[in-house]
Structures are given as C-alpha cells and as structure tokens.
Amino acid sequence: MFAGYLKVRAMCERCGADLSRADSGDGPVVFILLIVGAIGCFGMLFAEMRFHPPIWLQLLIWLPGMGLLTLALLRPFKAILIALQFHNRASEARHDD
C-alpha cells in the first residue's frame, strides 16, 4: 500500500485497486495525538507521583518515547483510515447543480 514511509502507491500491487485518490488527510494525526498525548500525560503524572524523578529525567524519557510511539502508530492508522474510505465508499463532497 505504501511506497515509502507514508507515500501511498498509485495502484495496489495485489488487487490492482486505484489508490491515487486515497487521502486520509489529518485523520490519523488527530487520533494519534489523542492516544499518545493521553499515554504521555498520564505516564508522566504517574511517574511524578510515584517516583518523584527530576524534570530533566522525565523529559529525557517521555519526549523521545512519545515521538517514537507517534512514528510507530502513524503508518498503521493511515492504512486503516484509507481502508475505511474504500470500505465505506467515501469520496470528496460534490455540488451537483
């Protein structure tokens, strides 16, 4: 489905489906922002309440972790939203006059 990290191929190699119009937009980013943000905030809060580490250690652990989790989730979420577009036959809004 992908021709690189996030670039969608023009055509599916297996079934020949036209993927040139597939565009997930900002949808995956919104879901990932909410999920990773909640994990990071609650994780930092738990670590602060339980272990009382210095702030530099918190940032050293949580910021790269949240960045890696974001990058790990981006491709699967984009694929899922594109698959949902095809499943639901979603298309651009048209104004027929």
PDB file of N, CA and C in Angstrom:
ATOM      1  N   MET A   1       0.808  -1.184   0.000  1.00  0.00           N
ATOM      2  CA  MET A   1       0.000   0.000   0.000  1.00  0.00           C
ATOM      3  C   MET A   1       0.859   1.260   0.000  1.00  0.00           C
ATOM      4  N   PHE A   2       2.022   1.193   0.623  1.00  0.00           N
ATOM      5  CA  PHE A   2       2.883   2.363   0.732  1.00  0.00           C
ATOM      6  C   PHE A   2       4.133   2.190  -0.131  1.00  0.00           C
ATOM      7  N   ALA A   3       4.586   3.298  -0.701  1.00  0.00           N
ATOM      8  CA  ALA A   3       5.821   3.321  -1.490  1.00  0.00           C
ATOM      9  C   ALA A   3       6.850   4.151  -0.739  1.00  0.00           C
ATOM     10  N   GLY A   4       7.101   3.819   0.466  1.00  0.00           N
ATOM     11  CA  GLY A   4       7.954   4.589   1.353  1.00  0.00           C
ATOM     12  C   GLY A   4       7.315   4.579   2.720  1.00  0.00           C
ATOM     13  N   TYR A   5       7.664   5.553   3.539  1.00  0.00           N
ATOM     14  CA  TYR A   5       7.102   5.549   4.894  1.00  0.00           C
ATOM     15  C   TYR A   5       5.618   5.901   4.896  1.00  0.00           C
ATOM     16  N   LEU A   6       5.224   6.981   4.197  1.00  0.00           N
ATOM     17  CA  LEU A   6       3.818   7.375   4.189  1.00  0.00           C
ATOM     18  C   LEU A   6       3.236   7.651   2.806  1.00  0.00           C
ATOM     19  N   LYS A   7       4.029   7.577   1.759  1.00  0.00           N
ATOM     20  CA  LYS A   7       3.532   7.862   0.409  1.00  0.00           C
ATOM     21  C   LYS A   7       2.722   6.670  -0.100  1.00  0.00           C
ATOM     22  N   VAL A   8       1.466   6.937  -0.459  1.00  0.00           N
ATOM     23  CA  VAL A   8       0.562   5.887  -0.922  1.00  0.00           C
ATOM     24  C   VAL A   8       0.838   5.606  -2.394  1.00  0.00           C
ATOM     25  N   ARG A   9       0.909   4.326  -2.754  1.00  0.00           N
ATOM     26  CA  ARG A   9       1.123   3.938  -4.151  1.00  0.00           C
ATOM     27  C   ARG A   9      -0.082   4.343  -5.003  1.00  0.00           C
ATOM     28  N   ALA A  10       0.144   4.473  -6.299  1.00  0.00           N
ATOM     29  CA  ALA A  10      -0.940   4.832  -7.217  1.00  0.00           C
ATOM     30  C   ALA A  10      -1.890   3.657  -7.422  1.00  0.00           C
ATOM     31  N   MET A  11      -1.368   2.420  -7.316  1.00  0.00           N
ATOM     32  CA  MET A  11      -2.195   1.240  -7.545  1.00  0.00           C
ATOM     33  C   MET A  11      -1.730   0.120  -6.612  1.00  0.00           C
ATOM     34  N   CYS A  12      -2.676  -0.644  -6.114  1.00  0.00           N
ATOM     35  CA  CYS A  12      -2.358  -1.774  -5.236  1.00  0.00           C
ATOM     36  C   CYS A  12      -1.659  -2.858  -6.043  1.00  0.00           C
ATOM     37  N   GLU A  13      -0.573  -3.389  -5.493  1.00  0.00           N
ATOM     38  CA  GLU A  13       0.186  -4.419  -6.196  1.00  0.00           C
ATOM     39  C   GLU A  13      -0.552  -5.754  -6.239  1.00  0.00           C
ATOM     40  N   ARG A  14      -1.389  -6.029  -5.271  1.00  0.00           N
ATOM     41  CA  ARG A  14      -2.074  -7.322  -5.197  1.00  0.00           C
ATOM     42  C   ARG A  14      -3.377  -7.357  -5.971  1.00  0.00           C
ATOM     43  N   CYS A  15      -4.251  -6.383  -5.717  1.00  0.00           N
ATOM     44  CA  CYS A  15      -5.587  -6.446  -6.326  1.00  0.00           C
ATOM     45  C   CYS A  15      -5.778  -5.461  -7.478  1.00  0.00           C
ATOM     46  N   GLY A  16      -4.852  -4.522  -7.655  1.00  0.00           N
ATOM     47  CA  GLY A  16      -4.955  -3.558  -8.738  1.00  0.00           C
ATOM     48  C   GLY A  16      -5.904  -2.401  -8.470  1.00  0.00           C
ATOM     49  N   ALA A  17      -6.305  -2.221  -7.210  1.00  0.00           N
ATOM     50  CA  ALA A  17      -7.217  -1.115  -6.872  1.00  0.00           C
ATOM     51  C   ALA A  17      -6.526   0.224  -7.080  1.00  0.00           C
ATOM     52  N   ASP A  18      -7.280   1.193  -7.546  1.00  0.00           N
ATOM     53  CA  ASP A  18      -6.750   2.533  -7.777  1.00  0.00           C
ATOM     54  C   ASP A  18      -6.639   3.270  -6.440  1.00  0.00           C
ATOM     55  N   LEU A  19      -5.426   3.536  -5.999  1.00  0.00           N
ATOM     56  CA  LEU A  19      -5.180   4.229  -4.735  1.00  0.00           C
ATOM     57  C   LEU A  19      -4.801   5.687  -4.941  1.00  0.00           C
ATOM     58  N   SER A  20      -4.838   6.156  -6.177  1.00  0.00           N
ATOM     59  CA  SER A  20      -4.382   7.517  -6.455  1.00  0.00           C
ATOM     60  C   SER A  20      -5.275   8.574  -5.796  1.00  0.00           C
ATOM     61  N   ARG A  21      -6.554   8.246  -5.570  1.00  0.00           N
ATOM     62  CA  ARG A  21      -7.453   9.203  -4.921  1.00  0.00           C
ATOM     63  C   ARG A  21      -7.539   9.007  -3.416  1.00  0.00           C
ATOM     64  N   ALA A  22      -6.851   8.011  -2.880  1.00  0.00           N
ATOM     65  CA  ALA A  22      -6.905   7.738  -1.442  1.00  0.00           C
ATOM     66  C   ALA A  22      -6.127   8.806  -0.683  1.00  0.00           C
ATOM     67  N   ASP A  23      -6.820   9.469   0.213  1.00  0.00           N
ATOM     68  CA  ASP A  23      -6.192  10.507   1.013  1.00  0.00           C
ATOM     69  C   ASP A  23      -6.812  10.491   2.404  1.00  0.00           C
ATOM     70  N   SER A  24      -6.000  10.197   3.395  1.00  0.00           N
ATOM     71  CA  SER A  24      -6.525  10.140   4.763  1.00  0.00           C
ATOM     72  C   SER A  24      -6.495  11.506   5.426  1.00  0.00           C
ATOM     73  N   GLY A  25      -5.813  12.465   4.830  1.00  0.00           N
ATOM     74  CA  GLY A  25      -5.760  13.821   5.375  1.00  0.00           C
ATOM     75  C   GLY A  25      -5.113  13.855   6.754  1.00  0.00           C
ATOM     76  N   ASP A  26      -5.730  14.601   7.654  1.00  0.00           N
ATOM     77  CA  ASP A  26      -5.208  14.746   9.007  1.00  0.00           C
ATOM     78  C   ASP A  26      -5.858  13.783   9.993  1.00  0.00           C
ATOM     79  N   GLY A  27      -6.678  12.890   9.519  1.00  0.00           N
ATOM     80  CA  GLY A  27      -7.387  11.964  10.399  1.00  0.00           C
ATOM     81  C   GLY A  27      -6.493  11.135  11.293  1.00  0.00           C
ATOM     82  N   PRO A  28      -5.475  10.465  10.746  1.00  0.00           N
ATOM     83  CA  PRO A  28      -4.615   9.646  11.603  1.00  0.00           C
ATOM     84  C   PRO A  28      -3.889  10.465  12.663  1.00  0.00           C
ATOM     85  N   VAL A  29      -3.494  11.657  12.303  1.00  0.00           N
ATOM     86  CA  VAL A  29      -2.744  12.506  13.238  1.00  0.00           C
ATOM     87  C   VAL A  29      -3.612  12.888  14.432  1.00  0.00           C
ATOM     88  N   VAL A  30      -4.881  13.135  14.193  1.00  0.00           N
ATOM     89  CA  VAL A  30      -5.781  13.513  15.286  1.00  0.00           C
ATOM     90  C   VAL A  30      -5.911  12.369  16.290  1.00  0.00           C
ATOM     91  N   PHE A  31      -6.156  11.159  15.799  1.00  0.00           N
ATOM     92  CA  PHE A  31      -6.292  10.009  16.690  1.00  0.00           C
ATOM     93  C   PHE A  31      -4.991   9.730  17.443  1.00  0.00           C
ATOM     94  N   ILE A  32      -3.877   9.810  16.738  1.00  0.00           N
ATOM     95  CA  ILE A  32      -2.586   9.545  17.369  1.00  0.00           C
ATOM     96  C   ILE A  32      -2.267  10.607  18.410  1.00  0.00           C
ATOM     97  N   LEU A  33      -2.579  11.847  18.122  1.00  0.00           N
ATOM     98  CA  LEU A  33      -2.354  12.929  19.082  1.00  0.00           C
ATOM     99  C   LEU A  33      -3.112  12.664  20.377  1.00  0.00           C
ATOM    100  N   LEU A  34      -4.352  12.250  20.262  1.00  0.00           N
ATOM    101  CA  LEU A  34      -5.146  11.968  21.449  1.00  0.00           C
ATOM    102  C   LEU A  34      -4.620  10.752  22.215  1.00  0.00           C
ATOM    103  N   ILE A  35      -4.263   9.695  21.515  1.00  0.00           N
ATOM    104  CA  ILE A  35      -3.797   8.470  22.170  1.00  0.00           C
ATOM    105  C   ILE A  35      -2.433   8.678  22.812  1.00  0.00           C
ATOM    106  N   VAL A  36      -1.470   9.165  22.041  1.00  0.00           N
ATOM    107  CA  VAL A  36      -0.116   9.344  22.558  1.00  0.00           C
ATOM    108  C   VAL A  36      -0.080  10.436  23.620  1.00  0.00           C
ATOM    109  N   GLY A  37      -0.861  11.489  23.438  1.00  0.00           N
ATOM    110  CA  GLY A  37      -0.927  12.544  24.441  1.00  0.00           C
ATOM    111  C   GLY A  37      -1.452  12.034  25.770  1.00  0.00           C
ATOM    112  N   ALA A  38      -2.491  11.207  25.728  1.00  0.00           N
ATOM    113  CA  ALA A  38      -3.044  10.641  26.963  1.00  0.00           C
ATOM    114  C   ALA A  38      -2.041   9.711  27.635  1.00  0.00           C
ATOM    115  N   ILE A  39      -1.391   8.859  26.853  1.00  0.00           N
ATOM    116  CA  ILE A  39      -0.388   7.952  27.419  1.00  0.00           C
ATOM    117  C   ILE A  39       0.752   8.739  28.040  1.00  0.00           C
ATOM    118  N   GLY A  40       1.253   9.740  27.329  1.00  0.00           N
ATOM    119  CA  GLY A  40       2.374  10.537  27.829  1.00  0.00           C
ATOM    120  C   GLY A  40       2.021  11.339  29.069  1.00  0.00           C
ATOM    121  N   CYS A  41       0.864  11.985  29.054  1.00  0.00           N
ATOM    122  CA  CYS A  41       0.465  12.807  30.209  1.00  0.00           C
ATOM    123  C   CYS A  41       0.218  11.962  31.443  1.00  0.00           C
ATOM    124  N   PHE A  42      -0.526  10.880  31.288  1.00  0.00           N
ATOM    125  CA  PHE A  42      -0.784  10.024  32.445  1.00  0.00           C
ATOM    126  C   PHE A  42       0.480   9.314  32.905  1.00  0.00           C
ATOM    127  N   GLY A  43       1.351   8.943  31.967  1.00  0.00           N
ATOM    128  CA  GLY A  43       2.620   8.317  32.348  1.00  0.00           C
ATOM    129  C   GLY A  43       3.510   9.264  33.130  1.00  0.00           C
ATOM    130  N   MET A  44       3.612  10.501  32.664  1.00  0.00           N
ATOM    131  CA  MET A  44       4.419  11.488  33.390  1.00  0.00           C
ATOM    132  C   MET A  44       3.822  11.790  34.757  1.00  0.00           C
ATOM    133  N   LEU A  45       2.511  11.888  34.822  1.00  0.00           N
ATOM    134  CA  LEU A  45       1.851  12.159  36.092  1.00  0.00           C
ATOM    135  C   LEU A  45       2.067  11.006  37.074  1.00  0.00           C
ATOM    136  N   PHE A  46       1.914   9.772  36.592  1.00  0.00           N
ATOM    137  CA  PHE A  46       2.140   8.606  37.443  1.00  0.00           C
ATOM    138  C   PHE A  46       3.577   8.550  37.929  1.00  0.00           C
ATOM    139  N   ALA A  47       4.530   8.770  37.016  1.00  0.00           N
ATOM    140  CA  ALA A  47       5.944   8.731  37.394  1.00  0.00           C
ATOM    141  C   ALA A  47       6.271   9.819  38.416  1.00  0.00           C
ATOM    142  N   GLU A  48       5.682  10.986  38.249  1.00  0.00           N
ATOM    143  CA  GLU A  48       5.926  12.079  39.198  1.00  0.00           C
ATOM    144  C   GLU A  48       5.357  11.765  40.579  1.00  0.00           C
ATOM    145  N   MET A  49       4.149  11.231  40.597  1.00  0.00           N
ATOM    146  CA  MET A  49       3.509  10.930  41.880  1.00  0.00           C
ATOM    147  C   MET A  49       4.175   9.747  42.588  1.00  0.00           C
ATOM    148  N   ARG A  50       4.642   8.775  41.833  1.00  0.00           N
ATOM    149  CA  ARG A  50       5.183   7.552  42.430  1.00  0.00           C
ATOM    150  C   ARG A  50       6.675   7.647  42.733  1.00  0.00           C
ATOM    151  N   PHE A  51       7.475   8.190  41.794  1.00  0.00           N
ATOM    152  CA  PHE A  51       8.933   8.123  41.919  1.00  0.00           C
ATOM    153  C   PHE A  51       9.607   9.473  42.154  1.00  0.00           C
ATOM    154  N   HIS A  52       8.951  10.578  41.867  1.00  0.00           N
ATOM    155  CA  HIS A  52       9.494  11.935  42.027  1.00  0.00           C
ATOM    156  C   HIS A  52      10.852  12.130  41.330  1.00  0.00           C
ATOM    157  N   PRO A  53      10.948  11.777  40.027  1.00  0.00           N
ATOM    158  CA  PRO A  53      12.222  11.985  39.326  1.00  0.00           C
ATOM    159  C   PRO A  53      12.405  13.466  38.991  1.00  0.00           C
ATOM    160  N   PRO A  54      13.643  13.889  38.728  1.00  0.00           N
ATOM    161  CA  PRO A  54      13.849  15.275  38.286  1.00  0.00           C
ATOM    162  C   PRO A  54      13.211  15.499  36.913  1.00  0.00           C
ATOM    163  N   ILE A  55      12.865  16.743  36.630  1.00  0.00           N
ATOM    164  CA  ILE A  55      12.154  17.060  35.388  1.00  0.00           C
ATOM    165  C   ILE A  55      12.985  16.723  34.155  1.00  0.00           C
ATOM    166  N   TRP A  56      14.307  16.905  34.221  1.00  0.00           N
ATOM    167  CA  TRP A  56      15.140  16.597  33.058  1.00  0.00           C
ATOM    168  C   TRP A  56      15.084  15.109  32.734  1.00  0.00           C
ATOM    169  N   LEU A  57      14.964  14.269  33.768  1.00  0.00           N
ATOM    170  CA  LEU A  57      14.870  12.827  33.530  1.00  0.00           C
ATOM    171  C   LEU A  57      13.511  12.474  32.929  1.00  0.00           C
ATOM    172  N   GLN A  58      12.467  13.106  33.412  1.00  0.00           N
ATOM    173  CA  GLN A  58      11.133  12.890  32.847  1.00  0.00           C
ATOM    174  C   GLN A  58      11.131  13.224  31.358  1.00  0.00           C
ATOM    175  N   LEU A  59      11.667  14.396  31.019  1.00  0.00           N
ATOM    176  CA  LEU A  59      11.698  14.814  29.617  1.00  0.00           C
ATOM    177  C   LEU A  59      12.595  13.913  28.781  1.00  0.00           C
ATOM    178  N   LEU A  60      13.681  13.470  29.347  1.00  0.00           N
ATOM    179  CA  LEU A  60      14.606  12.587  28.640  1.00  0.00           C
ATOM    180  C   LEU A  60      13.960  11.241  28.309  1.00  0.00           C
ATOM    181  N   ILE A  61      13.080  10.796  29.159  1.00  0.00           N
ATOM    182  CA  ILE A  61      12.418   9.508  28.944  1.00  0.00           C
ATOM    183  C   ILE A  61      11.156   9.660  28.088  1.00  0.00           C
ATOM    184  N   TRP A  62      10.289  10.593  28.449  1.00  0.00           N
ATOM    185  CA  TRP A  62       8.970  10.655  27.840  1.00  0.00           C
ATOM    186  C   TRP A  62       8.925  11.314  26.471  1.00  0.00           C
ATOM    187  N   LEU A  63       9.692  12.350  26.220  1.00  0.00           N
ATOM    188  CA  LEU A  63       9.618  13.009  24.907  1.00  0.00           C
ATOM    189  C   LEU A  63      10.076  12.106  23.766  1.00  0.00           C
ATOM    190  N   PRO A  64      11.241  11.454  23.867  1.00  0.00           N
ATOM    191  CA  PRO A  64      11.592  10.524  22.781  1.00  0.00           C
ATOM    192  C   PRO A  64      10.630   9.340  22.686  1.00  0.00           C
ATOM    193  N   GLY A  65      10.154   8.875  23.833  1.00  0.00           N
ATOM    194  CA  GLY A  65       9.197   7.762  23.820  1.00  0.00           C
ATOM    195  C   GLY A  65       7.913   8.124  23.104  1.00  0.00           C
ATOM    196  N   MET A  66       7.421   9.318  23.370  1.00  0.00           N
ATOM    197  CA  MET A  66       6.195   9.764  22.702  1.00  0.00           C
ATOM    198  C   MET A  66       6.444   9.995  21.209  1.00  0.00           C
ATOM    199  N   GLY A  67       7.621  10.494  20.861  1.00  0.00           N
ATOM    200  CA  GLY A  67       7.954  10.683  19.448  1.00  0.00           C
ATOM    201  C   GLY A  67       8.023   9.359  18.703  1.00  0.00           C
ATOM    202  N   LEU A  68       8.663   8.364  19.316  1.00  0.00           N
ATOM    203  CA  LEU A  68       8.765   7.046  18.681  1.00  0.00           C
ATOM    204  C   LEU A  68       7.399   6.359  18.586  1.00  0.00           C
ATOM    205  N   LEU A  69       6.588   6.515  19.616  1.00  0.00           N
ATOM    206  CA  LEU A  69       5.246   5.934  19.576  1.00  0.00           C
ATOM    207  C   LEU A  69       4.403   6.590  18.483  1.00  0.00           C
ATOM    208  N   THR A  70       4.547   7.886  18.315  1.00  0.00           N
ATOM    209  CA  THR A  70       3.835   8.593  17.247  1.00  0.00           C
ATOM    210  C   THR A  70       4.244   8.068  15.879  1.00  0.00           C
ATOM    211  N   LEU A  71       5.545   7.930  15.656  1.00  0.00           N
ATOM    212  CA  LEU A  71       6.024   7.429  14.365  1.00  0.00           C
ATOM    213  C   LEU A  71       5.614   5.980  14.138  1.00  0.00           C
ATOM    214  N   ALA A  72       5.558   5.180  15.203  1.00  0.00           N
ATOM    215  CA  ALA A  72       5.173   3.781  15.073  1.00  0.00           C
ATOM    216  C   ALA A  72       3.687   3.634  14.733  1.00  0.00           C
ATOM    217  N   LEU A  73       2.855   4.532  15.235  1.00  0.00           N
ATOM    218  CA  LEU A  73       1.412   4.427  15.005  1.00  0.00           C
ATOM    219  C   LEU A  73       0.934   5.112  13.728  1.00  0.00           C
ATOM    220  N   LEU A  74       1.724   6.001  13.171  1.00  0.00           N
ATOM    221  CA  LEU A  74       1.267   6.806  12.042  1.00  0.00           C
ATOM    222  C   LEU A  74       0.934   5.975  10.811  1.00  0.00           C
ATOM    223  N   ARG A  75       1.792   5.065  10.426  1.00  0.00           N
ATOM    224  CA  ARG A  75       1.556   4.277   9.222  1.00  0.00           C
ATOM    225  C   ARG A  75       0.350   3.331   9.362  1.00  0.00           C
ATOM    226  N   PRO A  76       0.220   2.583  10.471  1.00  0.00           N
ATOM    227  CA  PRO A  76      -0.979   1.731  10.586  1.00  0.00           C
ATOM    228  C   PRO A  76      -2.288   2.522  10.630  1.00  0.00           C
ATOM    229  N   PHE A  77      -2.297   3.664  11.309  1.00  0.00           N
ATOM    230  CA  PHE A  77      -3.521   4.454  11.369  1.00  0.00           C
ATOM    231  C   PHE A  77      -3.877   5.016  10.002  1.00  0.00           C
ATOM    232  N   LYS A  78      -2.881   5.422   9.234  1.00  0.00           N
ATOM    233  CA  LYS A  78      -3.145   5.934   7.887  1.00  0.00           C
ATOM    234  C   LYS A  78      -3.715   4.818   7.009  1.00  0.00           C
ATOM    235  N   ALA A  79      -3.162   3.622   7.124  1.00  0.00           N
ATOM    236  CA  ALA A  79      -3.656   2.491   6.344  1.00  0.00           C
ATOM    237  C   ALA A  79      -5.091   2.134   6.731  1.00  0.00           C
ATOM    238  N   ILE A  80      -5.385   2.171   8.021  1.00  0.00           N
ATOM    239  CA  ILE A  80      -6.738   1.856   8.481  1.00  0.00           C
ATOM    240  C   ILE A  80      -7.736   2.878   7.951  1.00  0.00           C
ATOM    241  N   LEU A  81      -7.407   4.160   8.005  1.00  0.00           N
ATOM    242  CA  LEU A  81      -8.344   5.177   7.525  1.00  0.00           C
ATOM    243  C   LEU A  81      -8.544   5.108   6.018  1.00  0.00           C
ATOM    244  N   ILE A  82      -7.502   4.770   5.274  1.00  0.00           N
ATOM    245  CA  ILE A  82      -7.664   4.598   3.824  1.00  0.00           C
ATOM    246  C   ILE A  82      -8.527   3.378   3.539  1.00  0.00           C
ATOM    247  N   ALA A  83      -8.327   2.294   4.293  1.00  0.00           N
ATOM    248  CA  ALA A  83      -9.152   1.099   4.121  1.00  0.00           C
ATOM    249  C   ALA A  83     -10.610   1.402   4.448  1.00  0.00           C
ATOM    250  N   LEU A  84     -10.851   2.208   5.477  1.00  0.00           N
ATOM    251  CA  LEU A  84     -12.220   2.589   5.816  1.00  0.00           C
ATOM    252  C   LEU A  84     -12.855   3.459   4.725  1.00  0.00           C
ATOM    253  N   GLN A  85     -12.048   4.275   4.058  1.00  0.00           N
ATOM    254  CA  GLN A  85     -12.579   5.060   2.937  1.00  0.00           C
ATOM    255  C   GLN A  85     -13.075   4.138   1.829  1.00  0.00           C
ATOM    256  N   PHE A  86     -12.300   3.110   1.506  1.00  0.00           N
ATOM    257  CA  PHE A  86     -12.706   2.187   0.453  1.00  0.00           C
ATOM    258  C   PHE A  86     -13.895   1.345   0.899  1.00  0.00           C
ATOM    259  N   HIS A  87     -13.890   0.912   2.135  1.00  0.00           N
ATOM    260  CA  HIS A  87     -14.979   0.080   2.638  1.00  0.00           C
ATOM    261  C   HIS A  87     -16.315   0.834   2.629  1.00  0.00           C
ATOM    262  N   ASN A  88     -16.282   2.084   3.018  1.00  0.00           N
ATOM    263  CA  ASN A  88     -17.493   2.901   3.093  1.00  0.00           C
ATOM    264  C   ASN A  88     -17.766   3.698   1.825  1.00  0.00           C
ATOM    265  N   ARG A  89     -16.949   3.505   0.811  1.00  0.00           N
ATOM    266  CA  ARG A  89     -17.069   4.215  -0.470  1.00  0.00           C
ATOM    267  C   ARG A  89     -17.125   5.726  -0.269  1.00  0.00           C
ATOM    268  N   ALA A  90     -16.264   6.215   0.610  1.00  0.00           N
ATOM    269  CA  ALA A  90     -16.204   7.655   0.886  1.00  0.00           C
ATOM    270  C   ALA A  90     -15.532   8.362  -0.282  1.00  0.00           C
ATOM    271  N   SER A  91     -16.000   9.571  -0.576  1.00  0.00           N
ATOM    272  CA  SER A  91     -15.411  10.358  -1.654  1.00  0.00           C
ATOM    273  C   SER A  91     -15.494  11.825  -1.291  1.00  0.00           C
ATOM    274  N   GLU A  92     -14.912  12.648  -2.118  1.00  0.00           N
ATOM    275  CA  GLU A  92     -14.952  14.092  -1.912  1.00  0.00           C
ATOM    276  C   GLU A  92     -16.389  14.596  -2.045  1.00  0.00           C
ATOM    277  N   ALA A  93     -16.705  15.648  -1.344  1.00  0.00           N
ATOM    278  CA  ALA A  93     -18.039  16.248  -1.455  1.00  0.00           C
ATOM    279  C   ALA A  93     -18.193  16.894  -2.832  1.00  0.00           C
ATOM    280  N   ARG A  94     -19.343  16.680  -3.458  1.00  0.00           N
ATOM    281  CA  ARG A  94     -19.616  17.254  -4.773  1.00  0.00           C
ATOM    282  C   ARG A  94     -20.868  18.104  -4.692  1.00  0.00           C
ATOM    283  N   HIS A  95     -20.889  19.152  -5.479  1.00  0.00           N
ATOM    284  CA  HIS A  95     -22.057  20.002  -5.576  1.00  0.00           C
ATOM    285  C   HIS A  95     -22.638  19.871  -6.963  1.00  0.00           C
ATOM    286  N   ASP A  96     -23.702  19.116  -7.076  1.00  0.00           N
ATOM    287  CA  ASP A  96     -24.356  18.947  -8.380  1.00  0.00           C
ATOM    288  C   ASP A  96     -25.436  20.010  -8.524  1.00  0.00           C
ATOM    289  N   ASP A  97     -25.249  20.894  -9.480  1.00  0.00           N
ATOM    290  CA  ASP A  97     -26.219  21.989  -9.694  1.00  0.00           C
ATOM    291  C   ASP A  97     -27.279  21.585 -10.684  1.00  0.00           C
TER     292      ASP A  97
END
